[in-house]
Amino acid sequence: MKGTKPGKYVKRLIIVAALLIATGCSLLSVPIITNASRNDVVNLGDSIYALSGKIQDYLHSWSGQTFRRYALSGSFVSHVSDQYDD
């Protein structure tokens, strides 16, 4: 039997871990708000809005009202024109 090099397995493990982390982070998203006190205001966005939700939270706290939010992590965002079709 040939001897195996431990460095080869470590490299593969690092690559697999990096792919899992990158994929996992892209699946994070705050909940969508479809019914709000101001249904005429809509916040569309991708990861900058979806990951923490802080921008939307600040808007809600400053205005004292809620707005609809359709923010999704970048991996889920469809083409802009398709977003308006929904």
PDB file of N, CA and C in Angstrom:
ATOM      1  N   MET A   1       0.820  -1.187   0.000  1.00  0.00           N
ATOM      2  CA  MET A   1       0.000   0.000   0.000  1.00  0.00           C
ATOM      3  C   MET A   1       0.863   1.248   0.000  1.00  0.00           C
ATOM      4  N   LYS A   2       0.457   2.179  -0.765  1.00  0.00           N
ATOM      5  CA  LYS A   2       1.200   3.431  -0.800  1.00  0.00           C
ATOM      6  C   LYS A   2       0.857   4.266   0.415  1.00  0.00           C
ATOM      7  N   GLY A   3       1.792   5.029   0.844  1.00  0.00           N
ATOM      8  CA  GLY A   3       1.542   5.969   1.930  1.00  0.00           C
ATOM      9  C   GLY A   3       0.816   7.198   1.394  1.00  0.00           C
ATOM     10  N   THR A   4      -0.054   7.733   2.184  1.00  0.00           N
ATOM     11  CA  THR A   4      -0.775   8.937   1.759  1.00  0.00           C
ATOM     12  C   THR A   4      -0.177  10.147   2.458  1.00  0.00           C
ATOM     13  N   LYS A   5      -0.278  11.243   1.796  1.00  0.00           N
ATOM     14  CA  LYS A   5       0.252  12.479   2.358  1.00  0.00           C
ATOM     15  C   LYS A   5      -0.865  13.191   3.111  1.00  0.00           C
ATOM     16  N   PRO A   6      -0.640  13.507   4.384  1.00  0.00           N
ATOM     17  CA  PRO A   6      -1.689  14.184   5.149  1.00  0.00           C
ATOM     18  C   PRO A   6      -2.020  15.576   4.611  1.00  0.00           C
ATOM     19  N   GLY A   7      -1.082  16.235   3.977  1.00  0.00           N
ATOM     20  CA  GLY A   7      -1.323  17.568   3.433  1.00  0.00           C
ATOM     21  C   GLY A   7      -2.392  17.573   2.353  1.00  0.00           C
ATOM     22  N   LYS A   8      -2.473  16.484   1.609  1.00  0.00           N
ATOM     23  CA  LYS A   8      -3.466  16.361   0.544  1.00  0.00           C
ATOM     24  C   LYS A   8      -4.878  16.372   1.124  1.00  0.00           C
ATOM     25  N   TYR A   9      -5.069  15.664   2.211  1.00  0.00           N
ATOM     26  CA  TYR A   9      -6.387  15.607   2.849  1.00  0.00           C
ATOM     27  C   TYR A   9      -6.744  16.926   3.524  1.00  0.00           C
ATOM     28  N   VAL A  10      -5.759  17.585   4.081  1.00  0.00           N
ATOM     29  CA  VAL A  10      -5.993  18.878   4.728  1.00  0.00           C
ATOM     30  C   VAL A  10      -6.443  19.903   3.695  1.00  0.00           C
ATOM     31  N   LYS A  11      -5.797  19.914   2.541  1.00  0.00           N
ATOM     32  CA  LYS A  11      -6.187  20.845   1.476  1.00  0.00           C
ATOM     33  C   LYS A  11      -7.621  20.585   1.033  1.00  0.00           C
ATOM     34  N   ARG A  12      -7.969  19.322   0.852  1.00  0.00           N
ATOM     35  CA  ARG A  12      -9.335  18.981   0.444  1.00  0.00           C
ATOM     36  C   ARG A  12     -10.341  19.380   1.517  1.00  0.00           C
ATOM     37  N   LEU A  13      -9.995  19.148   2.753  1.00  0.00           N
ATOM     38  CA  LEU A  13     -10.881  19.509   3.859  1.00  0.00           C
ATOM     39  C   LEU A  13     -11.097  21.023   3.915  1.00  0.00           C
ATOM     40  N   ILE A  14     -10.053  21.785   3.704  1.00  0.00           N
ATOM     41  CA  ILE A  14     -10.159  23.245   3.707  1.00  0.00           C
ATOM     42  C   ILE A  14     -11.044  23.721   2.559  1.00  0.00           C
ATOM     43  N   ILE A  15     -10.885  23.129   1.389  1.00  0.00           N
ATOM     44  CA  ILE A  15     -11.708  23.512   0.237  1.00  0.00           C
ATOM     45  C   ILE A  15     -13.176  23.199   0.495  1.00  0.00           C
ATOM     46  N   VAL A  16     -13.459  22.012   1.011  1.00  0.00           N
ATOM     47  CA  VAL A  16     -14.844  21.629   1.306  1.00  0.00           C
ATOM     48  C   VAL A  16     -15.438  22.545   2.371  1.00  0.00           C
ATOM     49  N   ALA A  17     -14.675  22.849   3.420  1.00  0.00           N
ATOM     50  CA  ALA A  17     -15.164  23.733   4.483  1.00  0.00           C
ATOM     51  C   ALA A  17     -15.451  25.133   3.936  1.00  0.00           C
ATOM     52  N   ALA A  18     -14.577  25.649   3.086  1.00  0.00           N
ATOM     53  CA  ALA A  18     -14.785  26.981   2.507  1.00  0.00           C
ATOM     54  C   ALA A  18     -16.043  27.017   1.645  1.00  0.00           C
ATOM     55  N   LEU A  19     -16.269  25.969   0.869  1.00  0.00           N
ATOM     56  CA  LEU A  19     -17.480  25.909   0.039  1.00  0.00           C
ATOM     57  C   LEU A  19     -18.739  25.840   0.891  1.00  0.00           C
ATOM     58  N   LEU A  20     -18.703  25.061   1.957  1.00  0.00           N
ATOM     59  CA  LEU A  20     -19.865  24.964   2.842  1.00  0.00           C
ATOM     60  C   LEU A  20     -20.161  26.293   3.528  1.00  0.00           C
ATOM     61  N   ILE A  21     -19.128  26.976   3.972  1.00  0.00           N
ATOM     62  CA  ILE A  21     -19.316  28.273   4.633  1.00  0.00           C
ATOM     63  C   ILE A  21     -19.868  29.298   3.644  1.00  0.00           C
ATOM     64  N   ALA A  22     -19.314  29.343   2.448  1.00  0.00           N
ATOM     65  CA  ALA A  22     -19.785  30.304   1.443  1.00  0.00           C
ATOM     66  C   ALA A  22     -21.237  30.039   1.067  1.00  0.00           C
ATOM     67  N   THR A  23     -21.589  28.786   0.909  1.00  0.00           N
ATOM     68  CA  THR A  23     -22.968  28.438   0.566  1.00  0.00           C
ATOM     69  C   THR A  23     -23.902  28.726   1.725  1.00  0.00           C
ATOM     70  N   GLY A  24     -23.497  28.392   2.925  1.00  0.00           N
ATOM     71  CA  GLY A  24     -24.344  28.610   4.097  1.00  0.00           C
ATOM     72  C   GLY A  24     -24.638  30.071   4.336  1.00  0.00           C
ATOM     73  N   CYS A  25     -23.668  30.932   4.171  1.00  0.00           N
ATOM     74  CA  CYS A  25     -23.877  32.367   4.391  1.00  0.00           C
ATOM     75  C   CYS A  25     -24.800  32.966   3.342  1.00  0.00           C
ATOM     76  N   SER A  26     -24.777  32.432   2.143  1.00  0.00           N
ATOM     77  CA  SER A  26     -25.647  32.991   1.106  1.00  0.00           C
ATOM     78  C   SER A  26     -27.100  32.604   1.317  1.00  0.00           C
ATOM     79  N   LEU A  27     -27.357  31.624   2.164  1.00  0.00           N
ATOM     80  CA  LEU A  27     -28.729  31.196   2.410  1.00  0.00           C
ATOM     81  C   LEU A  27     -29.372  31.930   3.579  1.00  0.00           C
ATOM     82  N   LEU A  28     -28.633  32.794   4.252  1.00  0.00           N
ATOM     83  CA  LEU A  28     -29.188  33.547   5.373  1.00  0.00           C
ATOM     84  C   LEU A  28     -30.003  34.725   4.859  1.00  0.00           C
ATOM     85  N   SER A  29     -31.113  34.972   5.514  1.00  0.00           N
ATOM     86  CA  SER A  29     -31.947  36.092   5.103  1.00  0.00           C
ATOM     87  C   SER A  29     -32.939  36.407   6.209  1.00  0.00           C
ATOM     88  N   VAL A  30     -33.265  37.678   6.362  1.00  0.00           N
ATOM     89  CA  VAL A  30     -34.282  38.084   7.334  1.00  0.00           C
ATOM     90  C   VAL A  30     -35.651  37.754   6.759  1.00  0.00           C
ATOM     91  N   PRO A  31     -36.679  37.675   7.617  1.00  0.00           N
ATOM     92  CA  PRO A  31     -38.010  37.344   7.101  1.00  0.00           C
ATOM     93  C   PRO A  31     -38.586  38.445   6.210  1.00  0.00           C
ATOM     94  N   ILE A  32     -39.387  38.035   5.256  1.00  0.00           N
ATOM     95  CA  ILE A  32     -40.068  38.968   4.357  1.00  0.00           C
ATOM     96  C   ILE A  32     -41.282  39.537   5.078  1.00  0.00           C
ATOM     97  N   ILE A  33     -41.501  40.836   4.957  1.00  0.00           N
ATOM     98  CA  ILE A  33     -42.678  41.482   5.542  1.00  0.00           C
ATOM     99  C   ILE A  33     -43.618  41.815   4.386  1.00  0.00           C
ATOM    100  N   THR A  34     -44.772  41.150   4.334  1.00  0.00           N
ATOM    101  CA  THR A  34     -45.713  41.390   3.237  1.00  0.00           C
ATOM    102  C   THR A  34     -46.901  42.239   3.657  1.00  0.00           C
ATOM    103  N   ASN A  35     -47.170  42.328   4.958  1.00  0.00           N
ATOM    104  CA  ASN A  35     -48.296  43.116   5.443  1.00  0.00           C
ATOM    105  C   ASN A  35     -47.771  44.087   6.493  1.00  0.00           C
ATOM    106  N   ALA A  36     -47.798  45.373   6.184  1.00  0.00           N
ATOM    107  CA  ALA A  36     -47.223  46.382   7.070  1.00  0.00           C
ATOM    108  C   ALA A  36     -48.196  47.541   7.218  1.00  0.00           C
ATOM    109  N   SER A  37     -47.886  48.449   8.151  1.00  0.00           N
ATOM    110  CA  SER A  37     -48.757  49.612   8.347  1.00  0.00           C
ATOM    111  C   SER A  37     -48.720  50.550   7.137  1.00  0.00           C
ATOM    112  N   ARG A  38     -47.622  50.545   6.404  1.00  0.00           N
ATOM    113  CA  ARG A  38     -47.506  51.351   5.173  1.00  0.00           C
ATOM    114  C   ARG A  38     -47.262  50.399   4.008  1.00  0.00           C
ATOM    115  N   ASN A  39     -48.326  49.824   3.474  1.00  0.00           N
ATOM    116  CA  ASN A  39     -48.187  48.890   2.361  1.00  0.00           C
ATOM    117  C   ASN A  39     -47.818  49.565   1.049  1.00  0.00           C
ATOM    118  N   ASP A  40     -47.859  50.898   1.010  1.00  0.00           N
ATOM    119  CA  ASP A  40     -47.491  51.603  -0.214  1.00  0.00           C
ATOM    120  C   ASP A  40     -45.984  51.814  -0.334  1.00  0.00           C
ATOM    121  N   VAL A  41     -45.230  51.478   0.709  1.00  0.00           N
ATOM    122  CA  VAL A  41     -43.771  51.610   0.694  1.00  0.00           C
ATOM    123  C   VAL A  41     -43.170  50.208   0.680  1.00  0.00           C
ATOM    124  N   VAL A  42     -42.302  49.955  -0.292  1.00  0.00           N
ATOM    125  CA  VAL A  42     -41.697  48.633  -0.443  1.00  0.00           C
ATOM    126  C   VAL A  42     -40.186  48.784  -0.442  1.00  0.00           C
ATOM    127  N   ASN A  43     -39.508  47.926   0.294  1.00  0.00           N
ATOM    128  CA  ASN A  43     -38.056  47.906   0.322  1.00  0.00           C
ATOM    129  C   ASN A  43     -37.596  46.648  -0.404  1.00  0.00           C
ATOM    130  N   LEU A  44     -37.035  46.829  -1.599  1.00  0.00           N
ATOM    131  CA  LEU A  44     -36.462  45.724  -2.356  1.00  0.00           C
ATOM    132  C   LEU A  44     -34.962  45.747  -2.145  1.00  0.00           C
ATOM    133  N   GLY A  45     -34.363  44.594  -2.028  1.00  0.00           N
ATOM    134  CA  GLY A  45     -32.921  44.605  -1.870  1.00  0.00           C
ATOM    135  C   GLY A  45     -32.339  43.218  -1.871  1.00  0.00           C
ATOM    136  N   ASP A  46     -31.019  43.185  -1.828  1.00  0.00           N
ATOM    137  CA  ASP A  46     -30.350  41.896  -1.772  1.00  0.00           C
ATOM    138  C   ASP A  46     -29.607  41.773  -0.453  1.00  0.00           C
ATOM    139  N   SER A  47     -28.436  41.231  -0.465  1.00  0.00           N
ATOM    140  CA  SER A  47     -27.740  40.849   0.767  1.00  0.00           C
ATOM    141  C   SER A  47     -27.539  41.982   1.762  1.00  0.00           C
ATOM    142  N   ILE A  48     -27.301  43.195   1.301  1.00  0.00           N
ATOM    143  CA  ILE A  48     -27.053  44.287   2.244  1.00  0.00           C
ATOM    144  C   ILE A  48     -28.274  44.547   3.117  1.00  0.00           C
ATOM    145  N   TYR A  49     -29.459  44.297   2.590  1.00  0.00           N
ATOM    146  CA  TYR A  49     -30.684  44.449   3.368  1.00  0.00           C
ATOM    147  C   TYR A  49     -31.066  43.155   4.079  1.00  0.00           C
ATOM    148  N   ALA A  50     -30.763  42.029   3.477  1.00  0.00           N
ATOM    149  CA  ALA A  50     -31.289  40.757   3.952  1.00  0.00           C
ATOM    150  C   ALA A  50     -30.497  40.130   5.092  1.00  0.00           C
ATOM    151  N   LEU A  51     -29.210  40.329   5.148  1.00  0.00           N
ATOM    152  CA  LEU A  51     -28.423  39.586   6.125  1.00  0.00           C
ATOM    153  C   LEU A  51     -28.677  40.022   7.558  1.00  0.00           C
ATOM    154  N   SER A  52     -28.648  41.303   7.828  1.00  0.00           N
ATOM    155  CA  SER A  52     -28.849  41.743   9.210  1.00  0.00           C
ATOM    156  C   SER A  52     -30.229  42.330   9.440  1.00  0.00           C
ATOM    157  N   GLY A  53     -30.798  42.962   8.438  1.00  0.00           N
ATOM    158  CA  GLY A  53     -32.097  43.609   8.592  1.00  0.00           C
ATOM    159  C   GLY A  53     -32.032  44.926   9.341  1.00  0.00           C
ATOM    160  N   LYS A  54     -30.839  45.415   9.637  1.00  0.00           N
ATOM    161  CA  LYS A  54     -30.686  46.637  10.436  1.00  0.00           C
ATOM    162  C   LYS A  54     -31.201  47.881   9.719  1.00  0.00           C
ATOM    163  N   ILE A  55     -31.000  47.972   8.415  1.00  0.00           N
ATOM    164  CA  ILE A  55     -31.471  49.152   7.689  1.00  0.00           C
ATOM    165  C   ILE A  55     -32.981  49.263   7.818  1.00  0.00           C
ATOM    166  N   GLN A  56     -33.667  48.152   7.619  1.00  0.00           N
ATOM    167  CA  GLN A  56     -35.126  48.142   7.745  1.00  0.00           C
ATOM    168  C   GLN A  56     -35.553  48.441   9.181  1.00  0.00           C
ATOM    169  N   ASP A  57     -34.837  47.895  10.152  1.00  0.00           N
ATOM    170  CA  ASP A  57     -35.154  48.171  11.560  1.00  0.00           C
ATOM    171  C   ASP A  57     -35.036  49.660  11.874  1.00  0.00           C
ATOM    172  N   TYR A  58     -33.978  50.308  11.353  1.00  0.00           N
ATOM    173  CA  TYR A  58     -33.807  51.743  11.574  1.00  0.00           C
ATOM    174  C   TYR A  58     -34.942  52.534  10.924  1.00  0.00           C
ATOM    175  N   LEU A  59     -35.318  52.160   9.709  1.00  0.00           N
ATOM    176  CA  LEU A  59     -36.427  52.844   9.037  1.00  0.00           C
ATOM    177  C   LEU A  59     -37.717  52.714   9.848  1.00  0.00           C
ATOM    178  N   HIS A  60     -37.968  51.527  10.376  1.00  0.00           N
ATOM    179  CA  HIS A  60     -39.170  51.312  11.185  1.00  0.00           C
ATOM    180  C   HIS A  60     -39.130  52.149  12.464  1.00  0.00           C
ATOM    181  N   SER A  61     -37.985  52.166  13.135  1.00  0.00           N
ATOM    182  CA  SER A  61     -37.903  52.889  14.407  1.00  0.00           C
ATOM    183  C   SER A  61     -37.979  54.403  14.194  1.00  0.00           C
ATOM    184  N   TRP A  62     -37.347  54.907  13.151  1.00  0.00           N
ATOM    185  CA  TRP A  62     -37.359  56.350  12.903  1.00  0.00           C
ATOM    186  C   TRP A  62     -38.733  56.851  12.453  1.00  0.00           C
ATOM    187  N   SER A  63     -39.445  56.050  11.686  1.00  0.00           N
ATOM    188  CA  SER A  63     -40.742  56.500  11.168  1.00  0.00           C
ATOM    189  C   SER A  63     -41.900  56.137  12.091  1.00  0.00           C
ATOM    190  N   GLY A  64     -41.691  55.145  12.945  1.00  0.00           N
ATOM    191  CA  GLY A  64     -42.778  54.680  13.802  1.00  0.00           C
ATOM    192  C   GLY A  64     -43.789  53.831  13.051  1.00  0.00           C
ATOM    193  N   GLN A  65     -43.456  53.440  11.834  1.00  0.00           N
ATOM    194  CA  GLN A  65     -44.335  52.618  11.007  1.00  0.00           C
ATOM    195  C   GLN A  65     -43.534  51.469  10.415  1.00  0.00           C
ATOM    196  N   THR A  66     -44.246  50.498   9.874  1.00  0.00           N
ATOM    197  CA  THR A  66     -43.566  49.387   9.215  1.00  0.00           C
ATOM    198  C   THR A  66     -43.786  49.470   7.712  1.00  0.00           C
ATOM    199  N   PHE A  67     -42.824  48.940   6.976  1.00  0.00           N
ATOM    200  CA  PHE A  67     -42.869  48.921   5.522  1.00  0.00           C
ATOM    201  C   PHE A  67     -42.706  47.485   5.048  1.00  0.00           C
ATOM    202  N   ARG A  68     -43.228  47.210   3.872  1.00  0.00           N
ATOM    203  CA  ARG A  68     -43.042  45.873   3.317  1.00  0.00           C
ATOM    204  C   ARG A  68     -41.573  45.672   2.973  1.00  0.00           C
ATOM    205  N   ARG A  69     -41.104  44.445   3.184  1.00  0.00           N
ATOM    206  CA  ARG A  69     -39.702  44.124   2.892  1.00  0.00           C
ATOM    207  C   ARG A  69     -39.663  42.852   2.055  1.00  0.00           C
ATOM    208  N   TYR A  70     -39.024  42.948   0.930  1.00  0.00           N
ATOM    209  CA  TYR A  70     -38.805  41.798   0.065  1.00  0.00           C
ATOM    210  C   TYR A  70     -37.306  41.663  -0.186  1.00  0.00           C
ATOM    211  N   ALA A  71     -36.544  41.612   0.880  1.00  0.00           N
ATOM    212  CA  ALA A  71     -35.092  41.497   0.767  1.00  0.00           C
ATOM    213  C   ALA A  71     -34.705  40.031   0.849  1.00  0.00           C
ATOM    214  N   LEU A  72     -33.866  39.613  -0.066  1.00  0.00           N
ATOM    215  CA  LEU A  72     -33.383  38.241  -0.098  1.00  0.00           C
ATOM    216  C   LEU A  72     -31.877  38.240  -0.219  1.00  0.00           C
ATOM    217  N   SER A  73     -31.284  37.199   0.293  1.00  0.00           N
ATOM    218  CA  SER A  73     -29.857  37.036   0.124  1.00  0.00           C
ATOM    219  C   SER A  73     -29.548  36.969  -1.368  1.00  0.00           C
ATOM    220  N   GLY A  74     -28.394  37.448  -1.754  1.00  0.00           N
ATOM    221  CA  GLY A  74     -28.036  37.564  -3.162  1.00  0.00           C
ATOM    222  C   GLY A  74     -28.236  36.321  -3.997  1.00  0.00           C
ATOM    223  N   SER A  75     -28.084  35.147  -3.407  1.00  0.00           N
ATOM    224  CA  SER A  75     -28.234  33.928  -4.189  1.00  0.00           C
ATOM    225  C   SER A  75     -29.678  33.651  -4.565  1.00  0.00           C
ATOM    226  N   PHE A  76     -30.631  34.301  -3.902  1.00  0.00           N
ATOM    227  CA  PHE A  76     -32.038  34.080  -4.188  1.00  0.00           C
ATOM    228  C   PHE A  76     -32.669  35.185  -5.026  1.00  0.00           C
ATOM    229  N   VAL A  77     -31.964  36.276  -5.236  1.00  0.00           N
ATOM    230  CA  VAL A  77     -32.546  37.430  -5.921  1.00  0.00           C
ATOM    231  C   VAL A  77     -32.705  37.127  -7.406  1.00  0.00           C
ATOM    232  N   SER A  78     -33.911  37.328  -7.905  1.00  0.00           N
ATOM    233  CA  SER A  78     -34.153  37.159  -9.335  1.00  0.00           C
ATOM    234  C   SER A  78     -33.864  38.481 -10.047  1.00  0.00           C
ATOM    235  N   HIS A  79     -33.909  38.443 -11.339  1.00  0.00           N
ATOM    236  CA  HIS A  79     -33.677  39.640 -12.137  1.00  0.00           C
ATOM    237  C   HIS A  79     -34.650  40.740 -11.699  1.00  0.00           C
ATOM    238  N   VAL A  80     -34.221  41.987 -11.714  1.00  0.00           N
ATOM    239  CA  VAL A  80     -35.025  43.101 -11.198  1.00  0.00           C
ATOM    240  C   VAL A  80     -36.397  43.163 -11.859  1.00  0.00           C
ATOM    241  N   SER A  81     -36.464  43.011 -13.159  1.00  0.00           N
ATOM    242  CA  SER A  81     -37.767  43.088 -13.832  1.00  0.00           C
ATOM    243  C   SER A  81     -38.680  41.952 -13.387  1.00  0.00           C
ATOM    244  N   ASP A  82     -38.114  40.790 -13.074  1.00  0.00           N
ATOM    245  CA  ASP A  82     -38.917  39.670 -12.571  1.00  0.00           C
ATOM    246  C   ASP A  82     -39.454  39.960 -11.177  1.00  0.00           C
ATOM    247  N   GLN A  83     -38.736  40.748 -10.376  1.00  0.00           N
ATOM    248  CA  GLN A  83     -39.207  41.085  -9.037  1.00  0.00           C
ATOM    249  C   GLN A  83     -40.477  41.921  -9.110  1.00  0.00           C
ATOM    250  N   TYR A  84     -40.569  42.800 -10.089  1.00  0.00           N
ATOM    251  CA  TYR A  84     -41.749  43.644 -10.216  1.00  0.00           C
ATOM    252  C   TYR A  84     -42.940  42.881 -10.786  1.00  0.00           C
ATOM    253  N   ASP A  85     -42.690  41.775 -11.481  1.00  0.00           N
ATOM    254  CA  ASP A  85     -43.778  40.962 -12.019  1.00  0.00           C
ATOM    255  C   ASP A  85     -44.563  40.270 -10.924  1.00  0.00           C
ATOM    256  N   ASP A  86     -43.903  39.985  -9.797  1.00  0.00           N
ATOM    257  CA  ASP A  86     -44.580  39.305  -8.684  1.00  0.00           C
ATOM    258  C   ASP A  86     -45.499  40.271  -8.068  1.00  0.00           C
TER     259      ASP A  86
END
